[in-house]
PDB file of N, CA and C in Angstrom:
ATOM      1  N   MET A   1     -18.239  31.839 -16.637  1.00  0.00           N
ATOM      2  CA  MET A   1     -18.466  30.648 -17.424  1.00  0.00           C
ATOM      3  C   MET A   1     -17.126  29.955 -17.633  1.00  0.00           C
ATOM      4  N   ARG A   2     -17.121  28.653 -17.683  1.00  0.00           N
ATOM      5  CA  ARG A   2     -15.914  27.879 -17.916  1.00  0.00           C
ATOM      6  C   ARG A   2     -16.155  26.889 -19.038  1.00  0.00           C
ATOM      7  N   ILE A   3     -15.095  26.624 -19.785  1.00  0.00           N
ATOM      8  CA  ILE A   3     -15.143  25.548 -20.763  1.00  0.00           C
ATOM      9  C   ILE A   3     -14.160  24.489 -20.322  1.00  0.00           C
ATOM     10  N   CYS A   4     -14.326  23.323 -20.823  1.00  0.00           N
ATOM     11  CA  CYS A   4     -13.395  22.242 -20.511  1.00  0.00           C
ATOM     12  C   CYS A   4     -12.630  21.894 -21.768  1.00  0.00           C
ATOM     13  N   GLU A   5     -11.348  21.674 -21.599  1.00  0.00           N
ATOM     14  CA  GLU A   5     -10.496  21.315 -22.721  1.00  0.00           C
ATOM     15  C   GLU A   5      -9.788  20.016 -22.362  1.00  0.00           C
ATOM     16  N   LEU A   6      -9.719  19.129 -23.311  1.00  0.00           N
ATOM     17  CA  LEU A   6      -9.053  17.854 -23.080  1.00  0.00           C
ATOM     18  C   LEU A   6      -7.640  17.902 -23.633  1.00  0.00           C
ATOM     19  N   HIS A   7      -6.702  17.425 -22.857  1.00  0.00           N
ATOM     20  CA  HIS A   7      -5.317  17.318 -23.292  1.00  0.00           C
ATOM     21  C   HIS A   7      -4.897  15.867 -23.165  1.00  0.00           C
ATOM     22  N   ALA A   8      -4.249  15.343 -24.179  1.00  0.00           N
ATOM     23  CA  ALA A   8      -3.744  13.970 -24.112  1.00  0.00           C
ATOM     24  C   ALA A   8      -2.259  14.018 -23.790  1.00  0.00           C
ATOM     25  N   ASN A   9      -1.855  13.219 -22.835  1.00  0.00           N
ATOM     26  CA  ASN A   9      -0.454  13.163 -22.441  1.00  0.00           C
ATOM     27  C   ASN A   9      -0.123  11.703 -22.159  1.00  0.00           C
ATOM     28  N   ASP A  10       0.580  11.057 -23.099  1.00  0.00           N
ATOM     29  CA  ASP A  10       0.946   9.648 -22.942  1.00  0.00           C
ATOM     30  C   ASP A  10      -0.267   8.782 -22.623  1.00  0.00           C
ATOM     31  N   ALA A  11      -1.322   8.936 -23.362  1.00  0.00           N
ATOM     32  CA  ALA A  11      -2.553   8.156 -23.244  1.00  0.00           C
ATOM     33  C   ALA A  11      -3.371   8.497 -22.002  1.00  0.00           C
ATOM     34  N   ASN A  12      -2.931   9.455 -21.201  1.00  0.00           N
ATOM     35  CA  ASN A  12      -3.733   9.925 -20.074  1.00  0.00           C
ATOM     36  C   ASN A  12      -4.479  11.172 -20.520  1.00  0.00           C
ATOM     37  N   ILE A  13      -5.744  11.287 -20.167  1.00  0.00           N
ATOM     38  CA  ILE A  13      -6.520  12.472 -20.523  1.00  0.00           C
ATOM     39  C   ILE A  13      -6.691  13.318 -19.271  1.00  0.00           C
ATOM     40  N   ILE A  14      -6.326  14.590 -19.410  1.00  0.00           N
ATOM     41  CA  ILE A  14      -6.408  15.514 -18.293  1.00  0.00           C
ATOM     42  C   ILE A  14      -7.489  16.543 -18.617  1.00  0.00           C
ATOM     43  N   LEU A  15      -8.391  16.781 -17.685  1.00  0.00           N
ATOM     44  CA  LEU A  15      -9.467  17.749 -17.862  1.00  0.00           C
ATOM     45  C   LEU A  15      -9.071  19.047 -17.178  1.00  0.00           C
ATOM     46  N   ILE A  16      -9.113  20.125 -17.915  1.00  0.00           N
ATOM     47  CA  ILE A  16      -8.732  21.428 -17.379  1.00  0.00           C
ATOM     48  C   ILE A  16      -9.918  22.377 -17.533  1.00  0.00           C
ATOM     49  N   ASN A  17     -10.309  23.041 -16.446  1.00  0.00           N
ATOM     50  CA  ASN A  17     -11.345  24.077 -16.509  1.00  0.00           C
ATOM     51  C   ASN A  17     -10.680  25.390 -16.895  1.00  0.00           C
ATOM     52  N   MET A  18     -11.214  26.023 -17.922  1.00  0.00           N
ATOM     53  CA  MET A  18     -10.645  27.286 -18.372  1.00  0.00           C
ATOM     54  C   MET A  18     -11.706  28.376 -18.281  1.00  0.00           C
ATOM     55  N   PRO A  19     -11.453  29.410 -17.469  1.00  0.00           N
ATOM     56  CA  PRO A  19     -12.420  30.500 -17.355  1.00  0.00           C
ATOM     57  C   PRO A  19     -12.591  31.246 -18.676  1.00  0.00           C
ATOM     58  N   ILE A  20     -13.811  31.708 -18.922  1.00  0.00           N
ATOM     59  CA  ILE A  20     -14.106  32.562 -20.067  1.00  0.00           C
ATOM     60  C   ILE A  20     -14.572  33.906 -19.511  1.00  0.00           C
ATOM     61  N   ILE A  21     -13.933  34.981 -19.952  1.00  0.00           N
ATOM     62  CA  ILE A  21     -14.273  36.327 -19.503  1.00  0.00           C
ATOM     63  C   ILE A  21     -14.840  37.086 -20.685  1.00  0.00           C
ATOM     64  N   LYS A  22     -16.030  37.675 -20.501  1.00  0.00           N
ATOM     65  CA  LYS A  22     -16.679  38.433 -21.577  1.00  0.00           C
ATOM     66  C   LYS A  22     -16.831  39.886 -21.166  1.00  0.00           C
ATOM     67  N   PHE A  23     -16.636  40.784 -22.135  1.00  0.00           N
ATOM     68  CA  PHE A  23     -16.759  42.219 -21.910  1.00  0.00           C
ATOM     69  C   PHE A  23     -16.912  42.911 -23.254  1.00  0.00           C
ATOM     70  N   LYS A  24     -17.044  44.232 -23.232  1.00  0.00           N
ATOM     71  CA  LYS A  24     -17.227  44.987 -24.473  1.00  0.00           C
ATOM     72  C   LYS A  24     -16.146  46.051 -24.590  1.00  0.00           C
ATOM     73  N   ILE A  25     -15.513  46.091 -25.752  1.00  0.00           N
ATOM     74  CA  ILE A  25     -14.552  47.150 -26.059  1.00  0.00           C
ATOM     75  C   ILE A  25     -15.341  48.262 -26.731  1.00  0.00           C
ATOM     76  N   THR A  26     -15.208  49.471 -26.211  1.00  0.00           N
ATOM     77  CA  THR A  26     -16.116  50.546 -26.614  1.00  0.00           C
ATOM     78  C   THR A  26     -15.654  51.412 -27.778  1.00  0.00           C
ATOM     79  N   ASN A  27     -14.408  51.329 -28.171  1.00  0.00           N
ATOM     80  CA  ASN A  27     -13.936  52.238 -29.221  1.00  0.00           C
ATOM     81  C   ASN A  27     -13.181  51.495 -30.328  1.00  0.00           C
ATOM     82  N   LEU A  28     -13.870  50.577 -30.968  1.00  0.00           N
ATOM     83  CA  LEU A  28     -13.296  49.853 -32.110  1.00  0.00           C
ATOM     84  C   LEU A  28     -13.751  50.518 -33.400  1.00  0.00           C
ATOM     85  N   ASP A  29     -12.809  50.789 -34.298  1.00  0.00           N
ATOM     86  CA  ASP A  29     -13.151  51.492 -35.529  1.00  0.00           C
ATOM     87  C   ASP A  29     -12.842  50.722 -36.807  1.00  0.00           C
ATOM     88  N   CYS A  30     -11.895  49.776 -36.746  1.00  0.00           N
ATOM     89  CA  CYS A  30     -11.438  49.136 -37.978  1.00  0.00           C
ATOM     90  C   CYS A  30     -10.816  47.770 -37.681  1.00  0.00           C
ATOM     91  N   PRO A  31     -10.520  47.016 -38.722  1.00  0.00           N
ATOM     92  CA  PRO A  31      -9.882  45.708 -38.515  1.00  0.00           C
ATOM     93  C   PRO A  31      -8.547  45.803 -37.776  1.00  0.00           C
ATOM     94  N   ALA A  32      -7.813  46.879 -37.958  1.00  0.00           N
ATOM     95  CA  ALA A  32      -6.548  47.040 -37.232  1.00  0.00           C
ATOM     96  C   ALA A  32      -6.798  47.130 -35.725  1.00  0.00           C
ATOM     97  N   CYS A  33      -7.913  47.748 -35.339  1.00  0.00           N
ATOM     98  CA  CYS A  33      -8.285  47.824 -33.915  1.00  0.00           C
ATOM     99  C   CYS A  33      -8.484  46.425 -33.345  1.00  0.00           C
ATOM    100  N   ILE A  34      -9.089  45.548 -34.131  1.00  0.00           N
ATOM    101  CA  ILE A  34      -9.319  44.170 -33.697  1.00  0.00           C
ATOM    102  C   ILE A  34      -7.982  43.468 -33.495  1.00  0.00           C
ATOM    103  N   LYS A  35      -7.099  43.610 -34.458  1.00  0.00           N
ATOM    104  CA  LYS A  35      -5.794  42.946 -34.377  1.00  0.00           C
ATOM    105  C   LYS A  35      -5.000  43.440 -33.177  1.00  0.00           C
ATOM    106  N   LEU A  36      -4.932  44.756 -32.995  1.00  0.00           N
ATOM    107  CA  LEU A  36      -4.183  45.317 -31.872  1.00  0.00           C
ATOM    108  C   LEU A  36      -4.787  44.908 -30.537  1.00  0.00           C
ATOM    109  N   SER A  37      -6.116  44.954 -30.435  1.00  0.00           N
ATOM    110  CA  SER A  37      -6.792  44.576 -29.189  1.00  0.00           C
ATOM    111  C   SER A  37      -6.575  43.108 -28.875  1.00  0.00           C
ATOM    112  N   THR A  38      -6.690  42.257 -29.890  1.00  0.00           N
ATOM    113  CA  THR A  38      -6.494  40.816 -29.705  1.00  0.00           C
ATOM    114  C   THR A  38      -5.066  40.528 -29.253  1.00  0.00           C
ATOM    115  N   MET A  39      -4.099  41.166 -29.885  1.00  0.00           N
ATOM    116  CA  MET A  39      -2.698  40.955 -29.509  1.00  0.00           C
ATOM    117  C   MET A  39      -2.436  41.417 -28.077  1.00  0.00           C
ATOM    118  N   ALA A  40      -3.001  42.555 -27.704  1.00  0.00           N
ATOM    119  CA  ALA A  40      -2.814  43.070 -26.342  1.00  0.00           C
ATOM    120  C   ALA A  40      -3.429  42.122 -25.315  1.00  0.00           C
ATOM    121  N   LEU A  41      -4.634  41.642 -25.602  1.00  0.00           N
ATOM    122  CA  LEU A  41      -5.312  40.741 -24.672  1.00  0.00           C
ATOM    123  C   LEU A  41      -4.601  39.396 -24.575  1.00  0.00           C
ATOM    124  N   GLU A  42      -4.110  38.884 -25.695  1.00  0.00           N
ATOM    125  CA  GLU A  42      -3.396  37.607 -25.676  1.00  0.00           C
ATOM    126  C   GLU A  42      -2.021  37.730 -25.024  1.00  0.00           C
ATOM    127  N   GLY A  43      -1.579  38.955 -24.803  1.00  0.00           N
ATOM    128  CA  GLY A  43      -0.325  39.187 -24.103  1.00  0.00           C
ATOM    129  C   GLY A  43      -0.456  39.103 -22.591  1.00  0.00           C
ATOM    130  N   ILE A  44      -1.674  39.022 -22.082  1.00  0.00           N
ATOM    131  CA  ILE A  44      -1.895  38.878 -20.643  1.00  0.00           C
ATOM    132  C   ILE A  44      -1.511  37.458 -20.239  1.00  0.00           C
ATOM    133  N   ALA A  45      -0.739  37.347 -19.172  1.00  0.00           N
ATOM    134  CA  ALA A  45      -0.314  36.026 -18.691  1.00  0.00           C
ATOM    135  C   ALA A  45      -1.525  35.135 -18.430  1.00  0.00           C
ATOM    136  N   GLY A  46      -1.484  33.932 -18.984  1.00  0.00           N
ATOM    137  CA  GLY A  46      -2.549  32.957 -18.771  1.00  0.00           C
ATOM    138  C   GLY A  46      -3.649  32.972 -19.807  1.00  0.00           C
ATOM    139  N   VAL A  47      -3.692  33.995 -20.664  1.00  0.00           N
ATOM    140  CA  VAL A  47      -4.733  34.055 -21.695  1.00  0.00           C
ATOM    141  C   VAL A  47      -4.340  33.133 -22.845  1.00  0.00           C
ATOM    142  N   ALA A  48      -5.211  32.161 -23.112  1.00  0.00           N
ATOM    143  CA  ALA A  48      -4.960  31.206 -24.192  1.00  0.00           C
ATOM    144  C   ALA A  48      -5.486  31.716 -25.523  1.00  0.00           C
ATOM    145  N   LYS A  49      -6.596  32.460 -25.478  1.00  0.00           N
ATOM    146  CA  LYS A  49      -7.221  32.933 -26.713  1.00  0.00           C
ATOM    147  C   LYS A  49      -8.064  34.165 -26.418  1.00  0.00           C
ATOM    148  N   ALA A  50      -8.048  35.107 -27.349  1.00  0.00           N
ATOM    149  CA  ALA A  50      -8.902  36.294 -27.268  1.00  0.00           C
ATOM    150  C   ALA A  50      -9.622  36.457 -28.593  1.00  0.00           C
ATOM    151  N   THR A  51     -10.908  36.747 -28.540  1.00  0.00           N
ATOM    152  CA  THR A  51     -11.669  37.059 -29.749  1.00  0.00           C
ATOM    153  C   THR A  51     -12.382  38.385 -29.539  1.00  0.00           C
ATOM    154  N   VAL A  52     -12.449  39.167 -30.599  1.00  0.00           N
ATOM    155  CA  VAL A  52     -13.086  40.481 -30.550  1.00  0.00           C
ATOM    156  C   VAL A  52     -13.921  40.650 -31.806  1.00  0.00           C
ATOM    157  N   ASP A  53     -15.170  41.098 -31.644  1.00  0.00           N
ATOM    158  CA  ASP A  53     -16.062  41.325 -32.781  1.00  0.00           C
ATOM    159  C   ASP A  53     -16.106  42.822 -33.092  1.00  0.00           C
ATOM    160  N   LEU A  54     -15.776  43.187 -34.314  1.00  0.00           N
ATOM    161  CA  LEU A  54     -15.729  44.596 -34.717  1.00  0.00           C
ATOM    162  C   LEU A  54     -17.098  45.259 -34.641  1.00  0.00           C
ATOM    163  N   ASN A  55     -18.141  44.591 -35.094  1.00  0.00           N
ATOM    164  CA  ASN A  55     -19.466  45.211 -35.152  1.00  0.00           C
ATOM    165  C   ASN A  55     -20.067  45.472 -33.780  1.00  0.00           C
ATOM    166  N   SER A  56     -19.966  44.497 -32.885  1.00  0.00           N
ATOM    167  CA  SER A  56     -20.599  44.637 -31.572  1.00  0.00           C
ATOM    168  C   SER A  56     -19.628  45.123 -30.495  1.00  0.00           C
ATOM    169  N   GLY A  57     -18.344  44.943 -30.718  1.00  0.00           N
ATOM    170  CA  GLY A  57     -17.359  45.278 -29.700  1.00  0.00           C
ATOM    171  C   GLY A  57     -17.206  44.209 -28.637  1.00  0.00           C
ATOM    172  N   LEU A  58     -17.977  43.131 -28.752  1.00  0.00           N
ATOM    173  CA  LEU A  58     -17.908  42.081 -27.744  1.00  0.00           C
ATOM    174  C   LEU A  58     -16.586  41.344 -27.824  1.00  0.00           C
ATOM    175  N   ALA A  59     -15.997  41.126 -26.664  1.00  0.00           N
ATOM    176  CA  ALA A  59     -14.716  40.437 -26.572  1.00  0.00           C
ATOM    177  C   ALA A  59     -14.852  39.266 -25.608  1.00  0.00           C
ATOM    178  N   GLU A  60     -14.057  38.238 -25.862  1.00  0.00           N
ATOM    179  CA  GLU A  60     -14.080  37.048 -25.023  1.00  0.00           C
ATOM    180  C   GLU A  60     -12.656  36.533 -24.850  1.00  0.00           C
ATOM    181  N   LEU A  61     -12.290  36.283 -23.609  1.00  0.00           N
ATOM    182  CA  LEU A  61     -10.985  35.723 -23.297  1.00  0.00           C
ATOM    183  C   LEU A  61     -11.168  34.318 -22.752  1.00  0.00           C
ATOM    184  N   THR A  62     -10.326  33.407 -23.169  1.00  0.00           N
ATOM    185  CA  THR A  62     -10.239  32.089 -22.566  1.00  0.00           C
ATOM    186  C   THR A  62      -8.872  32.026 -21.906  1.00  0.00           C
ATOM    187  N   ALA A  63      -8.866  31.710 -20.614  1.00  0.00           N
ATOM    188  CA  ALA A  63      -7.613  31.748 -19.863  1.00  0.00           C
ATOM    189  C   ALA A  63      -7.472  30.531 -18.966  1.00  0.00           C
ATOM    190  N   ASP A  64      -6.239  30.275 -18.569  1.00  0.00           N
ATOM    191  CA  ASP A  64      -6.012  29.149 -17.673  1.00  0.00           C
ATOM    192  C   ASP A  64      -6.041  29.575 -16.210  1.00  0.00           C
ATOM    193  N   ARG A  65      -6.462  30.826 -15.974  1.00  0.00           N
ATOM    194  CA  ARG A  65      -6.605  31.360 -14.620  1.00  0.00           C
ATOM    195  C   ARG A  65      -7.630  32.481 -14.653  1.00  0.00           C
ATOM    196  N   GLU A  66      -8.047  32.929 -13.484  1.00  0.00           N
ATOM    197  CA  GLU A  66      -8.931  34.094 -13.422  1.00  0.00           C
ATOM    198  C   GLU A  66      -8.103  35.331 -13.768  1.00  0.00           C
ATOM    199  N   VAL A  67      -8.562  36.096 -14.724  1.00  0.00           N
ATOM    200  CA  VAL A  67      -7.864  37.314 -15.142  1.00  0.00           C
ATOM    201  C   VAL A  67      -8.618  38.499 -14.555  1.00  0.00           C
ATOM    202  N   GLY A  68      -7.907  39.361 -13.863  1.00  0.00           N
ATOM    203  CA  GLY A  68      -8.527  40.516 -13.220  1.00  0.00           C
ATOM    204  C   GLY A  68      -8.919  41.595 -14.225  1.00  0.00           C
ATOM    205  N   TRP A  69      -9.981  42.322 -13.884  1.00  0.00           N
ATOM    206  CA  TRP A  69     -10.459  43.408 -14.740  1.00  0.00           C
ATOM    207  C   TRP A  69      -9.366  44.454 -14.957  1.00  0.00           C
ATOM    208  N   GLU A  70      -8.580  44.717 -13.922  1.00  0.00           N
ATOM    209  CA  GLU A  70      -7.499  45.695 -14.030  1.00  0.00           C
ATOM    210  C   GLU A  70      -6.472  45.260 -15.077  1.00  0.00           C
ATOM    211  N   GLU A  71      -6.214  43.962 -15.162  1.00  0.00           N
ATOM    212  CA  GLU A  71      -5.273  43.452 -16.166  1.00  0.00           C
ATOM    213  C   GLU A  71      -5.814  43.659 -17.575  1.00  0.00           C
ATOM    214  N   ILE A  72      -7.108  43.445 -17.737  1.00  0.00           N
ATOM    215  CA  ILE A  72      -7.744  43.609 -19.049  1.00  0.00           C
ATOM    216  C   ILE A  72      -7.689  45.066 -19.478  1.00  0.00           C
ATOM    217  N   THR A  73      -8.104  45.963 -18.599  1.00  0.00           N
ATOM    218  CA  THR A  73      -8.127  47.381 -18.970  1.00  0.00           C
ATOM    219  C   THR A  73      -6.712  47.932 -19.187  1.00  0.00           C
ATOM    220  N   ALA A  74      -5.748  47.448 -18.417  1.00  0.00           N
ATOM    221  CA  ALA A  74      -4.357  47.899 -18.605  1.00  0.00           C
ATOM    222  C   ALA A  74      -3.818  47.439 -19.953  1.00  0.00           C
ATOM    223  N   ALA A  75      -4.116  46.205 -20.335  1.00  0.00           N
ATOM    224  CA  ALA A  75      -3.660  45.700 -21.637  1.00  0.00           C
ATOM    225  C   ALA A  75      -4.285  46.505 -22.770  1.00  0.00           C
ATOM    226  N   LEU A  76      -5.570  46.784 -22.669  1.00  0.00           N
ATOM    227  CA  LEU A  76      -6.248  47.548 -23.724  1.00  0.00           C
ATOM    228  C   LEU A  76      -5.775  48.998 -23.773  1.00  0.00           C
ATOM    229  N   LYS A  77      -5.419  49.540 -22.629  1.00  0.00           N
ATOM    230  CA  LYS A  77      -4.922  50.926 -22.586  1.00  0.00           C
ATOM    231  C   LYS A  77      -3.648  51.076 -23.408  1.00  0.00           C
ATOM    232  N   THR A  78      -2.849  50.008 -23.486  1.00  0.00           N
ATOM    233  CA  THR A  78      -1.598  50.080 -24.256  1.00  0.00           C
ATOM    234  C   THR A  78      -1.852  50.276 -25.749  1.00  0.00           C
ATOM    235  N   VAL A  79      -3.072  49.962 -26.199  1.00  0.00           N
ATOM    236  CA  VAL A  79      -3.425  50.169 -27.597  1.00  0.00           C
ATOM    237  C   VAL A  79      -4.570  51.191 -27.733  1.00  0.00           C
ATOM    238  N   ASP A  80      -4.683  52.048 -26.728  1.00  0.00           N
ATOM    239  CA  ASP A  80      -5.666  53.158 -26.711  1.00  0.00           C
ATOM    240  C   ASP A  80      -7.117  52.677 -26.847  1.00  0.00           C
ATOM    241  N   LYS A  81      -7.432  51.567 -26.202  1.00  0.00           N
ATOM    242  CA  LYS A  81      -8.803  51.045 -26.218  1.00  0.00           C
ATOM    243  C   LYS A  81      -9.355  51.024 -24.797  1.00  0.00           C
ATOM    244  N   THR A  82     -10.660  51.119 -24.688  1.00  0.00           N
ATOM    245  CA  THR A  82     -11.334  51.052 -23.398  1.00  0.00           C
ATOM    246  C   THR A  82     -12.396  49.967 -23.443  1.00  0.00           C
ATOM    247  N   ALA A  83     -12.792  49.503 -22.266  1.00  0.00           N
ATOM    248  CA  ALA A  83     -13.764  48.411 -22.199  1.00  0.00           C
ATOM    249  C   ALA A  83     -14.710  48.619 -21.030  1.00  0.00           C
ATOM    250  N   VAL A  84     -15.864  47.972 -21.122  1.00  0.00           N
ATOM    251  CA  VAL A  84     -16.836  47.968 -20.032  1.00  0.00           C
ATOM    252  C   VAL A  84     -17.198  46.515 -19.722  1.00  0.00           C
ATOM    253  N   GLN A  85     -17.451  46.266 -18.446  1.00  0.00           N
ATOM    254  CA  GLN A  85     -17.852  44.937 -18.038  1.00  0.00           C
ATOM    255  C   GLN A  85     -19.305  44.709 -18.402  1.00  0.00           C
ATOM    256  N   LEU A  86     -19.624  43.469 -18.751  1.00  0.00           N
ATOM    257  CA  LEU A  86     -21.007  43.097 -19.039  1.00  0.00           C
ATOM    258  C   LEU A  86     -21.650  42.636 -17.745  1.00  0.00           C
ATOM    259  N   THR A  87     -22.916  42.966 -17.582  1.00  0.00           N
ATOM    260  CA  THR A  87     -23.620  42.558 -16.359  1.00  0.00           C
ATOM    261  C   THR A  87     -24.423  41.314 -16.568  1.00  0.00           C
TER     262      THR A  87
END
Protein backbone atom coordinates (compact mmCIF):
# COMPACT_ATOMS: atom_id res chain seq x y z
CA MET A 1 0.00 0.00 0.00
CA ARG A 2 1.21 3.53 -0.68
CA ILE A 3 0.17 6.92 0.58
CA CYS A 4 0.77 10.20 -1.12
CA GLU A 5 2.27 13.16 0.66
CA LEU A 6 2.33 16.68 -0.66
CA HIS A 7 5.39 18.86 -0.24
CA ALA A 8 5.44 22.56 -1.09
CA ASN A 9 8.68 23.96 -2.45
CA ASP A 10 8.64 27.57 -3.68
CA ALA A 11 4.97 27.31 -4.71
CA ASN A 12 5.58 24.06 -6.60
CA ILE A 13 3.77 20.99 -5.28
CA ILE A 14 5.59 17.70 -5.53
CA LEU A 15 3.74 14.39 -5.15
CA ILE A 16 5.72 11.61 -3.51
CA ASN A 17 4.54 7.98 -3.22
CA MET A 18 5.52 6.54 0.13
CA PRO A 19 5.32 2.79 0.72
CA ILE A 20 3.54 1.54 3.84
CA ILE A 21 4.77 -1.74 5.33
CA LYS A 22 2.59 -3.60 7.83
CA PHE A 23 3.59 -6.49 10.10
CA LYS A 24 3.16 -7.81 13.63
CA ILE A 25 5.65 -7.66 16.48
CA THR A 26 5.15 -10.80 18.51
CA ASN A 27 6.70 -10.07 21.90
CA LEU A 28 5.51 -6.68 23.16
CA ASP A 29 4.97 -6.48 26.90
CA CYS A 30 4.90 -2.82 27.96
CA PRO A 31 5.01 0.81 26.83
CA ALA A 32 8.82 0.70 26.92
CA CYS A 33 8.68 -2.09 24.31
CA ILE A 34 6.69 0.25 22.06
CA LYS A 35 9.19 3.07 22.48
CA LEU A 36 12.22 0.86 21.86
CA SER A 37 10.61 -0.84 18.85
CA THR A 38 9.52 2.48 17.34
CA MET A 39 12.98 3.98 17.79
CA ALA A 40 14.64 0.92 16.23
CA LEU A 41 12.28 0.95 13.25
CA GLU A 42 12.64 4.70 12.72
CA GLY A 43 16.40 4.16 12.66
CA ILE A 44 16.11 2.25 9.38
CA ALA A 45 17.29 4.38 6.46
CA GLY A 46 14.32 5.85 4.60
CA VAL A 47 11.73 5.23 7.32
CA ALA A 48 9.76 8.43 7.88
CA LYS A 49 7.43 7.12 10.58
CA ALA A 50 6.81 3.95 12.58
CA THR A 51 3.75 3.15 14.67
CA VAL A 52 3.29 0.16 16.94
CA ASP A 53 0.16 -0.90 18.84
CA LEU A 54 0.81 -2.52 22.23
CA ASN A 55 -2.45 -4.49 22.39
CA SER A 56 -2.39 -6.05 18.92
CA GLY A 57 1.32 -5.90 18.15
CA LEU A 58 0.51 -4.44 14.75
CA ALA A 59 3.22 -2.21 13.35
CA GLU A 60 3.25 0.10 10.36
CA LEU A 61 6.17 1.80 8.65
CA THR A 62 5.94 4.70 6.24
CA ALA A 63 9.09 5.00 4.16
CA ASP A 64 10.45 6.85 1.18
CA ARG A 65 11.68 3.55 -0.30
CA GLU A 66 10.90 -0.15 -0.19
CA VAL A 67 12.26 -1.49 3.10
CA GLY A 68 13.34 -5.13 3.08
CA TRP A 69 12.02 -7.63 5.60
CA GLU A 70 15.60 -8.42 6.63
CA GLU A 71 16.12 -4.76 7.56
CA ILE A 72 12.99 -4.77 9.70
CA THR A 73 13.86 -7.95 11.57
CA ALA A 74 17.48 -6.83 12.07
CA ALA A 75 16.35 -3.51 13.55
CA LEU A 76 13.93 -5.25 15.91
CA LYS A 77 16.55 -7.80 16.92
CA THR A 78 18.65 -4.95 18.35
CA VAL A 79 15.90 -4.43 20.94
CA ASP A 80 15.17 -8.16 21.45
CA LYS A 81 11.90 -8.10 19.48
CA THR A 82 10.65 -10.42 16.76
CA ALA A 83 8.09 -9.92 14.02
CA VAL A 84 5.98 -11.86 11.54
CA GLN A 85 4.82 -10.75 8.13
CA LEU A 86 1.11 -10.29 7.55
CA THR A 87 -0.44 -12.16 4.65
